PDB file of N, CA and C in Angstrom:
ATOM      1  N   MET A   1       0.856  -1.184   0.000  1.00  0.00           N
ATOM      2  CA  MET A   1       0.000   0.000   0.000  1.00  0.00           C
ATOM      3  C   MET A   1       0.897   1.240   0.000  1.00  0.00           C
ATOM      4  N   ALA A   2       0.678   2.100  -0.936  1.00  0.00           N
ATOM      5  CA  ALA A   2       1.486   3.308  -1.047  1.00  0.00           C
ATOM      6  C   ALA A   2       1.044   4.333  -0.009  1.00  0.00           C
ATOM      7  N   ARG A   3       1.889   5.308   0.188  1.00  0.00           N
ATOM      8  CA  ARG A   3       1.566   6.369   1.134  1.00  0.00           C
ATOM      9  C   ARG A   3       0.379   7.188   0.649  1.00  0.00           C
ATOM     10  N   GLY A   4      -0.477   7.602   1.584  1.00  0.00           N
ATOM     11  CA  GLY A   4      -1.593   8.454   1.233  1.00  0.00           C
ATOM     12  C   GLY A   4      -2.846   7.699   0.840  1.00  0.00           C
ATOM     13  N   GLU A   5      -2.730   6.400   0.633  1.00  0.00           N
ATOM     14  CA  GLU A   5      -3.917   5.618   0.299  1.00  0.00           C
ATOM     15  C   GLU A   5      -4.602   5.174   1.581  1.00  0.00           C
ATOM     16  N   SER A   6      -5.906   5.319   1.620  1.00  0.00           N
ATOM     17  CA  SER A   6      -6.627   4.847   2.795  1.00  0.00           C
ATOM     18  C   SER A   6      -6.984   3.380   2.589  1.00  0.00           C
ATOM     19  N   PRO A   7      -7.016   2.616   3.657  1.00  0.00           N
ATOM     20  CA  PRO A   7      -7.348   1.201   3.517  1.00  0.00           C
ATOM     21  C   PRO A   7      -8.811   1.012   3.115  1.00  0.00           C
ATOM     22  N   ALA A   8      -9.086  -0.087   2.459  1.00  0.00           N
ATOM     23  CA  ALA A   8     -10.452  -0.375   2.031  1.00  0.00           C
ATOM     24  C   ALA A   8     -11.316  -0.676   3.248  1.00  0.00           C
ATOM     25  N   PRO A   9     -12.572  -0.229   3.245  1.00  0.00           N
ATOM     26  CA  PRO A   9     -13.438  -0.524   4.395  1.00  0.00           C
ATOM     27  C   PRO A   9     -13.684  -2.030   4.510  1.00  0.00           C
ATOM     28  N   ASP A  10     -13.697  -2.515   5.744  1.00  0.00           N
ATOM     29  CA  ASP A  10     -13.922  -3.930   5.971  1.00  0.00           C
ATOM     30  C   ASP A  10     -15.270  -4.151   6.657  1.00  0.00           C
ATOM     31  N   ILE A  11     -15.481  -5.335   7.164  1.00  0.00           N
ATOM     32  CA  ILE A  11     -16.773  -5.687   7.752  1.00  0.00           C
ATOM     33  C   ILE A  11     -17.067  -4.856   8.999  1.00  0.00           C
ATOM     34  N   TYR A  12     -16.033  -4.446   9.714  1.00  0.00           N
ATOM     35  CA  TYR A  12     -16.254  -3.677  10.942  1.00  0.00           C
ATOM     36  C   TYR A  12     -16.772  -2.269  10.645  1.00  0.00           C
ATOM     37  N   VAL A  13     -16.353  -1.694   9.540  1.00  0.00           N
ATOM     38  CA  VAL A  13     -16.884  -0.389   9.137  1.00  0.00           C
ATOM     39  C   VAL A  13     -18.356  -0.535   8.765  1.00  0.00           C
ATOM     40  N   GLY A  14     -18.694  -1.621   8.080  1.00  0.00           N
ATOM     41  CA  GLY A  14     -20.096  -1.884   7.754  1.00  0.00           C
ATOM     42  C   GLY A  14     -20.937  -2.073   9.007  1.00  0.00           C
ATOM     43  N   LEU A  15     -20.411  -2.809   9.976  1.00  0.00           N
ATOM     44  CA  LEU A  15     -21.137  -3.002  11.229  1.00  0.00           C
ATOM     45  C   LEU A  15     -21.286  -1.693  12.003  1.00  0.00           C
ATOM     46  N   LEU A  16     -20.304  -0.820  11.900  1.00  0.00           N
ATOM     47  CA  LEU A  16     -20.394   0.490  12.545  1.00  0.00           C
ATOM     48  C   LEU A  16     -21.543   1.299  11.960  1.00  0.00           C
ATOM     49  N   PHE A  17     -21.679   1.283  10.630  1.00  0.00           N
ATOM     50  CA  PHE A  17     -22.781   2.005  10.000  1.00  0.00           C
ATOM     51  C   PHE A  17     -24.125   1.387  10.360  1.00  0.00           C
ATOM     52  N   VAL A  18     -24.186   0.065  10.462  1.00  0.00           N
ATOM     53  CA  VAL A  18     -25.427  -0.605  10.874  1.00  0.00           C
ATOM     54  C   VAL A  18     -25.796  -0.199  12.297  1.00  0.00           C
ATOM     55  N   ALA A  19     -24.815  -0.144  13.179  1.00  0.00           N
ATOM     56  CA  ALA A  19     -25.073   0.228  14.567  1.00  0.00           C
ATOM     57  C   ALA A  19     -25.550   1.677  14.684  1.00  0.00           C
ATOM     58  N   VAL A  20     -24.929   2.593  13.939  1.00  0.00           N
ATOM     59  CA  VAL A  20     -25.342   3.998  13.980  1.00  0.00           C
ATOM     60  C   VAL A  20     -26.737   4.166  13.400  1.00  0.00           C
ATOM     61  N   ALA A  21     -27.029   3.453  12.319  1.00  0.00           N
ATOM     62  CA  ALA A  21     -28.369   3.534  11.729  1.00  0.00           C
ATOM     63  C   ALA A  21     -29.423   2.990  12.675  1.00  0.00           C
ATOM     64  N   SER A  22     -29.116   1.917  13.402  1.00  0.00           N
ATOM     65  CA  SER A  22     -30.091   1.363  14.335  1.00  0.00           C
ATOM     66  C   SER A  22     -30.284   2.277  15.542  1.00  0.00           C
ATOM     67  N   LEU A  23     -29.240   2.962  15.976  1.00  0.00           N
ATOM     68  CA  LEU A  23     -29.393   3.941  17.060  1.00  0.00           C
ATOM     69  C   LEU A  23     -30.297   5.095  16.637  1.00  0.00           C
ATOM     70  N   LEU A  24     -30.084   5.603  15.432  1.00  0.00           N
ATOM     71  CA  LEU A  24     -30.920   6.696  14.940  1.00  0.00           C
ATOM     72  C   LEU A  24     -32.373   6.251  14.774  1.00  0.00           C
ATOM     73  N   THR A  25     -32.562   5.043  14.251  1.00  0.00           N
ATOM     74  CA  THR A  25     -33.916   4.515  14.087  1.00  0.00           C
ATOM     75  C   THR A  25     -34.594   4.337  15.446  1.00  0.00           C
ATOM     76  N   GLY A  26     -33.861   3.839  16.427  1.00  0.00           N
ATOM     77  CA  GLY A  26     -34.407   3.680  17.770  1.00  0.00           C
ATOM     78  C   GLY A  26     -34.789   5.009  18.396  1.00  0.00           C
ATOM     79  N   CYS A  27     -33.983   6.037  18.187  1.00  0.00           N
ATOM     80  CA  CYS A  27     -34.303   7.363  18.723  1.00  0.00           C
ATOM     81  C   CYS A  27     -35.558   7.929  18.064  1.00  0.00           C
ATOM     82  N   ILE A  28     -35.705   7.715  16.771  1.00  0.00           N
ATOM     83  CA  ILE A  28     -36.890   8.206  16.069  1.00  0.00           C
ATOM     84  C   ILE A  28     -38.141   7.502  16.577  1.00  0.00           C
ATOM     85  N   PHE A  29     -38.077   6.159  16.713  1.00  0.00           N
ATOM     86  CA  PHE A  29     -39.240   5.424  17.204  1.00  0.00           C
ATOM     87  C   PHE A  29     -39.555   5.774  18.655  1.00  0.00           C
ATOM     88  N   LEU A  30     -38.532   6.037  19.460  1.00  0.00           N
ATOM     89  CA  LEU A  30     -38.767   6.457  20.845  1.00  0.00           C
ATOM     90  C   LEU A  30     -39.478   7.795  20.883  1.00  0.00           C
ATOM     91  N   ALA A  31     -39.067   8.735  20.051  1.00  0.00           N
ATOM     92  CA  ALA A  31     -39.721  10.038  20.003  1.00  0.00           C
ATOM     93  C   ALA A  31     -41.167   9.900  19.538  1.00  0.00           C
ATOM     94  N   LEU A  32     -41.414   9.029  18.561  1.00  0.00           N
ATOM     95  CA  LEU A  32     -42.789   8.816  18.100  1.00  0.00           C
ATOM     96  C   LEU A  32     -43.653   8.189  19.191  1.00  0.00           C
ATOM     97  N   GLU A  33     -43.092   7.248  19.935  1.00  0.00           N
ATOM     98  CA  GLU A  33     -43.844   6.604  21.009  1.00  0.00           C
ATOM     99  C   GLU A  33     -44.125   7.592  22.144  1.00  0.00           C
ATOM    100  N   LEU A  34     -43.141   8.401  22.513  1.00  0.00           N
ATOM    101  CA  LEU A  34     -43.350   9.388  23.565  1.00  0.00           C
ATOM    102  C   LEU A  34     -44.355  10.449  23.132  1.00  0.00           C
ATOM    103  N   ASN A  35     -44.383  10.753  21.843  1.00  0.00           N
ATOM    104  CA  ASN A  35     -45.327  11.736  21.327  1.00  0.00           C
ATOM    105  C   ASN A  35     -46.770  11.248  21.487  1.00  0.00           C
ATOM    106  N   SER A  36     -46.970   9.932  21.410  1.00  0.00           N
ATOM    107  CA  SER A  36     -48.332   9.401  21.588  1.00  0.00           C
ATOM    108  C   SER A  36     -48.807   9.532  23.041  1.00  0.00           C
ATOM    109  N   TYR A  37     -47.880   9.705  23.986  1.00  0.00           N
ATOM    110  CA  TYR A  37     -48.244   9.934  25.376  1.00  0.00           C
ATOM    111  C   TYR A  37     -48.330  11.414  25.728  1.00  0.00           C
ATOM    112  N   GLY A  38     -48.221  12.275  24.746  1.00  0.00           N
ATOM    113  CA  GLY A  38     -48.341  13.711  24.983  1.00  0.00           C
ATOM    114  C   GLY A  38     -47.047  14.363  25.413  1.00  0.00           C
ATOM    115  N   TRP A  39     -45.928  13.729  25.159  1.00  0.00           N
ATOM    116  CA  TRP A  39     -44.634  14.307  25.510  1.00  0.00           C
ATOM    117  C   TRP A  39     -44.313  15.441  24.564  1.00  0.00           C
ATOM    118  N   LYS A  40     -43.803  16.549  25.097  1.00  0.00           N
ATOM    119  CA  LYS A  40     -43.523  17.732  24.275  1.00  0.00           C
ATOM    120  C   LYS A  40     -42.030  17.883  24.054  1.00  0.00           C
ATOM    121  N   PHE A  41     -41.662  18.217  22.820  1.00  0.00           N
ATOM    122  CA  PHE A  41     -40.280  18.523  22.504  1.00  0.00           C
ATOM    123  C   PHE A  41     -39.997  19.970  22.934  1.00  0.00           C
ATOM    124  N   ASN A  42     -38.843  20.188  23.531  1.00  0.00           N
ATOM    125  CA  ASN A  42     -38.493  21.556  23.965  1.00  0.00           C
ATOM    126  C   ASN A  42     -37.767  22.284  22.865  1.00  0.00           C
TER     127      ASN A  42
END
């Protein structure tokens, strides 16, 4: 590998994106569920 080249993404980078996407999805669903109980966003 020559200088300045970044390594190719591997399975762990893919799993990192899956984990971040699932966290964001969980936060969205939590906000939707709390909204059904009358929770207000500040």
